[in-house]
Amino acid sequence: MIYLTLVFLPSLGAGEITLILLIILIFFGAKKIPELAKGFGRGIREFKDATKEVKKEIEDGVDDTK
């Protein structure tokens, strides 16, 4: 996750990332963060599954035309 942040925002340093994480901790609280992470993980998993399904349909369509 931090890697993705660094890819999209390369000018962020360790101090800025720490500050952002601290603000998230203060804003949401320690009890809410695991729930948010779990929901984020589910969303990513569903996105990957949908991507795989679309890729499979495209490959099957290409195979049908041959």
PDB file of N, CA and C in Angstrom:
ATOM      1  N   MET A   1       0.825  -1.183   0.000  1.00  0.00           N
ATOM      2  CA  MET A   1       0.000   0.000   0.000  1.00  0.00           C
ATOM      3  C   MET A   1       0.872   1.250   0.000  1.00  0.00           C
ATOM      4  N   ILE A   2       1.902   1.246   0.798  1.00  0.00           N
ATOM      5  CA  ILE A   2       2.796   2.393   0.829  1.00  0.00           C
ATOM      6  C   ILE A   2       3.493   2.519  -0.515  1.00  0.00           C
ATOM      7  N   TYR A   3       3.806   1.378  -1.156  1.00  0.00           N
ATOM      8  CA  TYR A   3       4.440   1.409  -2.466  1.00  0.00           C
ATOM      9  C   TYR A   3       3.543   2.127  -3.470  1.00  0.00           C
ATOM     10  N   LEU A   4       2.231   1.821  -3.448  1.00  0.00           N
ATOM     11  CA  LEU A   4       1.305   2.489  -4.360  1.00  0.00           C
ATOM     12  C   LEU A   4       1.273   3.982  -4.098  1.00  0.00           C
ATOM     13  N   THR A   5       1.317   4.373  -2.844  1.00  0.00           N
ATOM     14  CA  THR A   5       1.328   5.789  -2.503  1.00  0.00           C
ATOM     15  C   THR A   5       2.565   6.446  -3.073  1.00  0.00           C
ATOM     16  N   LEU A   6       3.690   5.784  -2.967  1.00  0.00           N
ATOM     17  CA  LEU A   6       4.931   6.358  -3.471  1.00  0.00           C
ATOM     18  C   LEU A   6       4.939   6.429  -4.992  1.00  0.00           C
ATOM     19  N   VAL A   7       4.245   5.504  -5.653  1.00  0.00           N
ATOM     20  CA  VAL A   7       4.189   5.532  -7.113  1.00  0.00           C
ATOM     21  C   VAL A   7       3.360   6.712  -7.581  1.00  0.00           C
ATOM     22  N   PHE A   8       2.219   6.936  -6.955  1.00  0.00           N
ATOM     23  CA  PHE A   8       1.331   8.002  -7.388  1.00  0.00           C
ATOM     24  C   PHE A   8       1.759   9.372  -6.864  1.00  0.00           C
ATOM     25  N   LEU A   9       2.401   9.429  -5.732  1.00  0.00           N
ATOM     26  CA  LEU A   9       2.836  10.689  -5.147  1.00  0.00           C
ATOM     27  C   LEU A   9       4.315  10.588  -4.782  1.00  0.00           C
ATOM     28  N   PRO A  10       5.191  10.643  -5.758  1.00  0.00           N
ATOM     29  CA  PRO A  10       6.613  10.411  -5.477  1.00  0.00           C
ATOM     30  C   PRO A  10       7.270  11.486  -4.618  1.00  0.00           C
ATOM     31  N   SER A  11       6.628  12.648  -4.466  1.00  0.00           N
ATOM     32  CA  SER A  11       7.260  13.700  -3.686  1.00  0.00           C
ATOM     33  C   SER A  11       7.004  13.550  -2.180  1.00  0.00           C
ATOM     34  N   LEU A  12       6.207  12.559  -1.786  1.00  0.00           N
ATOM     35  CA  LEU A  12       5.964  12.342  -0.360  1.00  0.00           C
ATOM     36  C   LEU A  12       7.142  11.623   0.272  1.00  0.00           C
ATOM     37  N   GLY A  13       7.575  12.141   1.388  1.00  0.00           N
ATOM     38  CA  GLY A  13       8.643  11.497   2.134  1.00  0.00           C
ATOM     39  C   GLY A  13       8.071  10.703   3.292  1.00  0.00           C
ATOM     40  N   ALA A  14       8.946  10.115   4.068  1.00  0.00           N
ATOM     41  CA  ALA A  14       8.510   9.297   5.205  1.00  0.00           C
ATOM     42  C   ALA A  14       7.772  10.145   6.242  1.00  0.00           C
ATOM     43  N   GLY A  15       8.221  11.368   6.440  1.00  0.00           N
ATOM     44  CA  GLY A  15       7.558  12.251   7.407  1.00  0.00           C
ATOM     45  C   GLY A  15       6.140  12.588   7.012  1.00  0.00           C
ATOM     46  N   GLU A  16       5.926  12.858   5.725  1.00  0.00           N
ATOM     47  CA  GLU A  16       4.583  13.182   5.254  1.00  0.00           C
ATOM     48  C   GLU A  16       3.654  11.987   5.360  1.00  0.00           C
ATOM     49  N   ILE A  17       4.159  10.796   5.016  1.00  0.00           N
ATOM     50  CA  ILE A  17       3.344   9.584   5.114  1.00  0.00           C
ATOM     51  C   ILE A  17       2.987   9.313   6.570  1.00  0.00           C
ATOM     52  N   THR A  18       3.945   9.500   7.467  1.00  0.00           N
ATOM     53  CA  THR A  18       3.684   9.305   8.891  1.00  0.00           C
ATOM     54  C   THR A  18       2.620  10.285   9.383  1.00  0.00           C
ATOM     55  N   LEU A  19       2.711  11.516   8.955  1.00  0.00           N
ATOM     56  CA  LEU A  19       1.722  12.520   9.339  1.00  0.00           C
ATOM     57  C   LEU A  19       0.335  12.152   8.832  1.00  0.00           C
ATOM     58  N   ILE A  20       0.237  11.693   7.607  1.00  0.00           N
ATOM     59  CA  ILE A  20      -1.056  11.275   7.056  1.00  0.00           C
ATOM     60  C   ILE A  20      -1.623  10.109   7.849  1.00  0.00           C
ATOM     61  N   LEU A  21      -0.795   9.113   8.149  1.00  0.00           N
ATOM     62  CA  LEU A  21      -1.257   7.965   8.935  1.00  0.00           C
ATOM     63  C   LEU A  21      -1.702   8.387  10.332  1.00  0.00           C
ATOM     64  N   LEU A  22      -0.999   9.329  10.935  1.00  0.00           N
ATOM     65  CA  LEU A  22      -1.364   9.832  12.259  1.00  0.00           C
ATOM     66  C   LEU A  22      -2.710  10.550  12.212  1.00  0.00           C
ATOM     67  N   ILE A  23      -2.933  11.342  11.189  1.00  0.00           N
ATOM     68  CA  ILE A  23      -4.210  12.043  11.041  1.00  0.00           C
ATOM     69  C   ILE A  23      -5.344  11.041  10.847  1.00  0.00           C
ATOM     70  N   ILE A  24      -5.100   9.998  10.058  1.00  0.00           N
ATOM     71  CA  ILE A  24      -6.118   8.959   9.873  1.00  0.00           C
ATOM     72  C   ILE A  24      -6.408   8.273  11.197  1.00  0.00           C
ATOM     73  N   LEU A  25      -5.374   7.990  11.969  1.00  0.00           N
ATOM     74  CA  LEU A  25      -5.553   7.355  13.274  1.00  0.00           C
ATOM     75  C   LEU A  25      -6.381   8.235  14.198  1.00  0.00           C
ATOM     76  N   ILE A  26      -6.097   9.515  14.226  1.00  0.00           N
ATOM     77  CA  ILE A  26      -6.848  10.439  15.079  1.00  0.00           C
ATOM     78  C   ILE A  26      -8.285  10.581  14.591  1.00  0.00           C
ATOM     79  N   PHE A  27      -8.465  10.680  13.281  1.00  0.00           N
ATOM     80  CA  PHE A  27      -9.789  10.911  12.714  1.00  0.00           C
ATOM     81  C   PHE A  27     -10.709   9.702  12.886  1.00  0.00           C
ATOM     82  N   PHE A  28     -10.201   8.501  12.591  1.00  0.00           N
ATOM     83  CA  PHE A  28     -11.040   7.304  12.639  1.00  0.00           C
ATOM     84  C   PHE A  28     -10.948   6.551  13.958  1.00  0.00           C
ATOM     85  N   GLY A  29      -9.860   6.677  14.662  1.00  0.00           N
ATOM     86  CA  GLY A  29      -9.687   5.944  15.907  1.00  0.00           C
ATOM     87  C   GLY A  29      -9.093   4.571  15.667  1.00  0.00           C
ATOM     88  N   ALA A  30      -8.479   4.031  16.694  1.00  0.00           N
ATOM     89  CA  ALA A  30      -7.778   2.751  16.564  1.00  0.00           C
ATOM     90  C   ALA A  30      -8.725   1.589  16.330  1.00  0.00           C
ATOM     91  N   LYS A  31      -9.953   1.670  16.821  1.00  0.00           N
ATOM     92  CA  LYS A  31     -10.905   0.563  16.659  1.00  0.00           C
ATOM     93  C   LYS A  31     -11.471   0.498  15.247  1.00  0.00           C
ATOM     94  N   LYS A  32     -11.569   1.604  14.577  1.00  0.00           N
ATOM     95  CA  LYS A  32     -12.198   1.659  13.263  1.00  0.00           C
ATOM     96  C   LYS A  32     -11.238   1.301  12.126  1.00  0.00           C
ATOM     97  N   ILE A  33      -9.950   1.485  12.332  1.00  0.00           N
ATOM     98  CA  ILE A  33      -8.977   1.270  11.259  1.00  0.00           C
ATOM     99  C   ILE A  33      -8.961  -0.181  10.764  1.00  0.00           C
ATOM    100  N   PRO A  34      -8.983  -1.204  11.627  1.00  0.00           N
ATOM    101  CA  PRO A  34      -9.023  -2.579  11.099  1.00  0.00           C
ATOM    102  C   PRO A  34     -10.272  -2.847  10.255  1.00  0.00           C
ATOM    103  N   GLU A  35     -11.396  -2.277  10.641  1.00  0.00           N
ATOM    104  CA  GLU A  35     -12.617  -2.448   9.854  1.00  0.00           C
ATOM    105  C   GLU A  35     -12.470  -1.787   8.485  1.00  0.00           C
ATOM    106  N   LEU A  36     -11.864  -0.603   8.453  1.00  0.00           N
ATOM    107  CA  LEU A  36     -11.641   0.081   7.184  1.00  0.00           C
ATOM    108  C   LEU A  36     -10.684  -0.715   6.299  1.00  0.00           C
ATOM    109  N   ALA A  37      -9.636  -1.255   6.886  1.00  0.00           N
ATOM    110  CA  ALA A  37      -8.667  -2.044   6.126  1.00  0.00           C
ATOM    111  C   ALA A  37      -9.322  -3.317   5.580  1.00  0.00           C
ATOM    112  N   LYS A  38     -10.165  -3.938   6.384  1.00  0.00           N
ATOM    113  CA  LYS A  38     -10.860  -5.140   5.934  1.00  0.00           C
ATOM    114  C   LYS A  38     -11.772  -4.824   4.755  1.00  0.00           C
ATOM    115  N   GLY A  39     -12.505  -3.734   4.843  1.00  0.00           N
ATOM    116  CA  GLY A  39     -13.369  -3.323   3.740  1.00  0.00           C
ATOM    117  C   GLY A  39     -12.579  -2.980   2.492  1.00  0.00           C
ATOM    118  N   PHE A  40     -11.445  -2.325   2.670  1.00  0.00           N
ATOM    119  CA  PHE A  40     -10.569  -1.989   1.552  1.00  0.00           C
ATOM    120  C   PHE A  40     -10.050  -3.264   0.894  1.00  0.00           C
ATOM    121  N   GLY A  41      -9.664  -4.242   1.702  1.00  0.00           N
ATOM    122  CA  GLY A  41      -9.177  -5.526   1.182  1.00  0.00           C
ATOM    123  C   GLY A  41     -10.254  -6.263   0.404  1.00  0.00           C
ATOM    124  N   ARG A  42     -11.479  -6.251   0.921  1.00  0.00           N
ATOM    125  CA  ARG A  42     -12.593  -6.880   0.205  1.00  0.00           C
ATOM    126  C   ARG A  42     -12.835  -6.204  -1.138  1.00  0.00           C
ATOM    127  N   GLY A  43     -12.766  -4.897  -1.138  1.00  0.00           N
ATOM    128  CA  GLY A  43     -12.965  -4.157  -2.384  1.00  0.00           C
ATOM    129  C   GLY A  43     -11.914  -4.497  -3.422  1.00  0.00           C
ATOM    130  N   ILE A  44     -10.674  -4.589  -2.994  1.00  0.00           N
ATOM    131  CA  ILE A  44      -9.590  -4.943  -3.913  1.00  0.00           C
ATOM    132  C   ILE A  44      -9.788  -6.365  -4.433  1.00  0.00           C
ATOM    133  N   ARG A  45     -10.171  -7.284  -3.549  1.00  0.00           N
ATOM    134  CA  ARG A  45     -10.388  -8.671  -3.955  1.00  0.00           C
ATOM    135  C   ARG A  45     -11.519  -8.762  -4.987  1.00  0.00           C
ATOM    136  N   GLU A  46     -12.625  -8.049  -4.755  1.00  0.00           N
ATOM    137  CA  GLU A  46     -13.732  -8.053  -5.708  1.00  0.00           C
ATOM    138  C   GLU A  46     -13.304  -7.456  -7.042  1.00  0.00           C
ATOM    139  N   PHE A  47     -12.508  -6.400  -7.010  1.00  0.00           N
ATOM    140  CA  PHE A  47     -12.015  -5.793  -8.241  1.00  0.00           C
ATOM    141  C   PHE A  47     -11.140  -6.774  -9.016  1.00  0.00           C
ATOM    142  N   LYS A  48     -10.254  -7.481  -8.323  1.00  0.00           N
ATOM    143  CA  LYS A  48      -9.389  -8.458  -8.987  1.00  0.00           C
ATOM    144  C   LYS A  48     -10.218  -9.587  -9.588  1.00  0.00           C
ATOM    145  N   ASP A  49     -11.218 -10.064  -8.844  1.00  0.00           N
ATOM    146  CA  ASP A  49     -12.073 -11.134  -9.357  1.00  0.00           C
ATOM    147  C   ASP A  49     -12.820 -10.677 -10.606  1.00  0.00           C
ATOM    148  N   ALA A  50     -13.343  -9.469 -10.580  1.00  0.00           N
ATOM    149  CA  ALA A  50     -14.052  -8.940 -11.746  1.00  0.00           C
ATOM    150  C   ALA A  50     -13.105  -8.788 -12.926  1.00  0.00           C
ATOM    151  N   THR A  51     -11.885  -8.347 -12.661  1.00  0.00           N
ATOM    152  CA  THR A  51     -10.893  -8.197 -13.727  1.00  0.00           C
ATOM    153  C   THR A  51     -10.561  -9.550 -14.343  1.00  0.00           C
ATOM    154  N   LYS A  52     -10.384 -10.563 -13.503  1.00  0.00           N
ATOM    155  CA  LYS A  52     -10.094 -11.905 -14.009  1.00  0.00           C
ATOM    156  C   LYS A  52     -11.253 -12.432 -14.849  1.00  0.00           C
ATOM    157  N   GLU A  53     -12.474 -12.169 -14.397  1.00  0.00           N
ATOM    158  CA  GLU A  53     -13.657 -12.628 -15.121  1.00  0.00           C
ATOM    159  C   GLU A  53     -13.744 -11.968 -16.504  1.00  0.00           C
ATOM    160  N   VAL A  54     -13.521 -10.669 -16.570  1.00  0.00           N
ATOM    161  CA  VAL A  54     -13.554  -9.964 -17.851  1.00  0.00           C
ATOM    162  C   VAL A  54     -12.447 -10.478 -18.761  1.00  0.00           C
ATOM    163  N   LYS A  55     -11.259 -10.696 -18.208  1.00  0.00           N
ATOM    164  CA  LYS A  55     -10.142 -11.201 -19.003  1.00  0.00           C
ATOM    165  C   LYS A  55     -10.473 -12.578 -19.562  1.00  0.00           C
ATOM    166  N   LYS A  56     -11.091 -13.427 -18.737  1.00  0.00           N
ATOM    167  CA  LYS A  56     -11.461 -14.775 -19.180  1.00  0.00           C
ATOM    168  C   LYS A  56     -12.502 -14.703 -20.290  1.00  0.00           C
ATOM    169  N   GLU A  57     -13.481 -13.825 -20.158  1.00  0.00           N
ATOM    170  CA  GLU A  57     -14.504 -13.673 -21.197  1.00  0.00           C
ATOM    171  C   GLU A  57     -13.882 -13.198 -22.505  1.00  0.00           C
ATOM    172  N   ILE A  58     -12.940 -12.282 -22.425  1.00  0.00           N
ATOM    173  CA  ILE A  58     -12.266 -11.793 -23.637  1.00  0.00           C
ATOM    174  C   ILE A  58     -11.469 -12.926 -24.281  1.00  0.00           C
ATOM    175  N   GLU A  59     -10.731 -13.695 -23.479  1.00  0.00           N
ATOM    176  CA  GLU A  59      -9.956 -14.802 -24.013  1.00  0.00           C
ATOM    177  C   GLU A  59     -10.866 -15.853 -24.634  1.00  0.00           C
ATOM    178  N   ASP A  60     -11.999 -16.135 -23.987  1.00  0.00           N
ATOM    179  CA  ASP A  60     -12.953 -17.111 -24.551  1.00  0.00           C
ATOM    180  C   ASP A  60     -13.538 -16.585 -25.852  1.00  0.00           C
ATOM    181  N   GLY A  61     -13.793 -15.304 -25.943  1.00  0.00           N
ATOM    182  CA  GLY A  61     -14.305 -14.716 -27.171  1.00  0.00           C
ATOM    183  C   GLY A  61     -13.292 -14.813 -28.302  1.00  0.00           C
ATOM    184  N   VAL A  62     -12.027 -14.600 -27.992  1.00  0.00           N
ATOM    185  CA  VAL A  62     -10.976 -14.709 -29.000  1.00  0.00           C
ATOM    186  C   VAL A  62     -10.845 -16.158 -29.453  1.00  0.00           C
ATOM    187  N   ASP A  63     -10.917 -17.096 -28.504  1.00  0.00           N
ATOM    188  CA  ASP A  63     -10.819 -18.517 -28.854  1.00  0.00           C
ATOM    189  C   ASP A  63     -11.999 -18.965 -29.716  1.00  0.00           C
ATOM    190  N   ASP A  64     -13.185 -18.421 -29.480  1.00  0.00           N
ATOM    191  CA  ASP A  64     -14.374 -18.783 -30.252  1.00  0.00           C
ATOM    192  C   ASP A  64     -14.276 -18.316 -31.696  1.00  0.00           C
ATOM    193  N   THR A  65     -13.586 -17.210 -31.924  1.00  0.00           N
ATOM    194  CA  THR A  65     -13.491 -16.675 -33.285  1.00  0.00           C
ATOM    195  C   THR A  65     -12.474 -17.437 -34.133  1.00  0.00           C
ATOM    196  N   LYS A  66     -11.591 -18.205 -33.500  1.00  0.00           N
ATOM    197  CA  LYS A  66     -10.570 -18.960 -34.250  1.00  0.00           C
ATOM    198  C   LYS A  66     -11.130 -20.235 -34.820  1.00  0.00           C
TER     199      LYS A  66
END
